[in-house]
């Protein structure tokens, strides 16, 4: 007759697993299930958080280190902006003035004019 302090290493009927192995397996399955559910909940929470931020990055409210409301771009006094195009952090302005048309390309991070192209008819 085995002593009471010895573990029972006899397999359960119909299996090759001992009661201790079955208990450890049940605990492992429960822990992994909780990790899956927790990970899924975390991914959903991250998606909802990103969606509610409106696509703003860490410095989404600033242009060129200045607040967006206080940014200025100086154009000739008699010029008018007829169109503009945005590509990444570059802005292209088509300016019309009595002296002729031109296209200004502005770097939005620094606020500086990168290129100024005068349009002259042939």
Protein backbone atom coordinates (compact mmCIF):
# COMPACT_ATOMS: atom_id res chain seq x y z
CA UNK A 1 0.00 0.00 0.00
CA UNK A 2 1.50 3.38 -1.03
CA UNK A 3 2.22 6.03 1.56
CA UNK A 4 -0.01 9.15 1.65
CA UNK A 5 2.88 11.52 0.86
CA UNK A 6 3.81 9.84 -2.44
CA UNK A 7 2.28 11.34 -5.61
CA UNK A 8 -0.16 9.17 -7.50
CA UNK A 9 1.55 8.31 -10.79
CA UNK A 10 -1.13 5.96 -12.03
CA UNK A 11 -2.77 7.15 -15.27
CA UNK A 12 -6.44 7.94 -15.34
CA UNK A 13 -8.60 5.23 -16.88
CA UNK A 14 -8.66 5.48 -20.67
CA UNK A 15 -5.72 7.95 -20.86
CA UNK A 16 -1.98 8.00 -20.47
CA UNK A 17 -2.08 11.13 -18.26
CA UNK A 18 -1.82 11.24 -14.50
CA UNK A 19 -4.22 13.42 -12.46
CA UNK A 20 -1.39 15.92 -11.86
CA UNK A 21 -0.70 16.23 -15.61
CA UNK A 22 -4.40 16.77 -16.31
CA UNK A 23 -4.57 19.50 -13.62
CA UNK A 24 -1.49 21.28 -15.07
CA UNK A 25 -2.95 21.01 -18.58
CA UNK A 26 -6.27 22.53 -17.44
CA UNK A 27 -4.44 25.45 -15.80
CA UNK A 28 -2.34 26.01 -18.95
CA UNK A 29 -5.43 26.02 -21.18
CA UNK A 30 -7.22 28.50 -18.91
CA UNK A 31 -4.19 30.83 -18.77
CA UNK A 32 -3.69 30.74 -22.55
CA UNK A 33 -7.41 31.41 -23.10
CA UNK A 34 -7.25 34.43 -20.81
CA UNK A 35 -4.17 35.71 -22.68
CA UNK A 36 -5.98 35.37 -26.00
CA UNK A 37 -9.07 37.20 -24.76
CA UNK A 38 -6.95 39.91 -23.09
CA UNK A 39 -4.82 40.38 -26.22
CA UNK A 40 -7.91 40.65 -28.41
CA UNK A 41 -9.41 43.23 -26.05
CA UNK A 42 -6.13 45.20 -26.10
CA UNK A 43 -6.05 45.24 -29.92
CA UNK A 44 -9.66 46.44 -30.07
CA UNK A 45 -8.95 49.14 -27.48
CA UNK A 46 -5.90 50.31 -29.48
CA UNK A 47 -7.98 50.51 -32.66
CA UNK A 48 -10.70 52.52 -30.92
CA UNK A 49 -8.07 54.83 -29.37
CA UNK A 50 -6.39 55.47 -32.73
CA UNK A 51 -9.75 56.05 -34.44
CA UNK A 52 -10.84 58.62 -31.87
CA UNK A 53 -7.59 60.60 -32.17
CA UNK A 54 -8.56 61.80 -35.66
CA UNK A 55 -5.20 60.87 -37.21
CA UNK A 56 -3.29 63.53 -35.30
CA UNK A 57 0.31 62.70 -34.51
CA UNK A 58 2.33 64.03 -31.60
CA UNK A 59 2.76 67.43 -33.27
CA UNK A 60 -0.41 67.47 -35.38
CA UNK A 61 -1.39 70.93 -34.15
CA UNK A 62 1.85 72.60 -35.21
CA UNK A 63 3.30 73.67 -38.52
CA UNK A 64 6.94 74.63 -38.64
CA UNK A 65 7.25 74.68 -34.86
CA UNK A 66 4.57 77.39 -34.65
CA UNK A 67 0.93 76.99 -33.76
CA UNK A 68 -1.11 76.51 -36.96
CA UNK A 69 -3.16 79.63 -36.25
CA UNK A 70 -0.06 81.84 -36.04
CA UNK A 71 1.77 80.62 -39.16
CA UNK A 72 2.27 83.22 -41.87
CA UNK A 73 3.38 83.11 -45.47
CA UNK A 74 4.38 86.36 -47.17
CA UNK A 75 3.34 86.69 -50.80
CA UNK A 76 3.60 89.75 -53.08
CA UNK A 77 1.06 92.46 -52.19
CA UNK A 78 -0.83 92.32 -55.51
CA UNK A 79 -0.76 88.50 -55.87
CA UNK A 80 -3.69 86.16 -55.41
CA UNK A 81 -3.63 82.43 -54.73
CA UNK A 82 -5.42 80.67 -57.57
CA UNK A 83 -4.79 77.08 -56.43
CA UNK A 84 -2.77 75.00 -54.03
CA UNK A 85 -1.65 71.39 -53.67
CA UNK A 86 -0.40 69.50 -50.64
CA UNK A 87 2.01 66.56 -50.81
CA UNK A 88 3.35 65.28 -47.50
CA UNK A 89 5.02 68.22 -45.81
CA UNK A 90 5.25 70.34 -48.99
CA UNK A 91 2.68 72.89 -50.15
CA UNK A 92 2.60 74.27 -53.70
CA UNK A 93 0.85 77.59 -54.25
CA UNK A 94 -0.05 78.96 -57.69
CA UNK A 95 0.10 82.74 -57.42
CA UNK A 96 -1.29 85.18 -59.99
CA UNK A 97 -0.13 88.78 -60.05
CA UNK A 98 0.06 91.60 -62.61
CA UNK A 99 3.77 90.84 -63.06
CA UNK A 100 3.04 87.19 -63.97
CA UNK A 101 2.21 83.82 -62.52
CA UNK A 102 4.48 81.82 -60.28
CA UNK A 103 4.46 78.63 -58.22
CA UNK A 104 5.88 78.67 -54.70
CA UNK A 105 6.79 75.39 -52.97
CA UNK A 106 6.81 75.69 -49.17
CA UNK A 107 8.22 73.26 -46.62
CA UNK A 108 5.53 73.08 -43.92
CA UNK A 109 7.93 71.88 -41.22
CA UNK A 110 10.20 74.90 -41.44
CA UNK A 111 7.82 77.38 -43.08
CA UNK A 112 10.48 78.30 -45.66
CA UNK A 113 9.96 78.67 -49.41
CA UNK A 114 11.86 75.77 -50.99
CA UNK A 115 11.37 76.77 -54.62
CA UNK A 116 9.90 79.71 -56.53
CA UNK A 117 9.07 79.02 -60.18
CA UNK A 118 8.10 81.95 -62.46
CA UNK A 119 5.71 81.04 -65.27
CA UNK A 120 6.52 82.93 -68.47
CA UNK A 121 4.55 82.49 -71.74
CA UNK A 122 6.56 81.52 -74.83
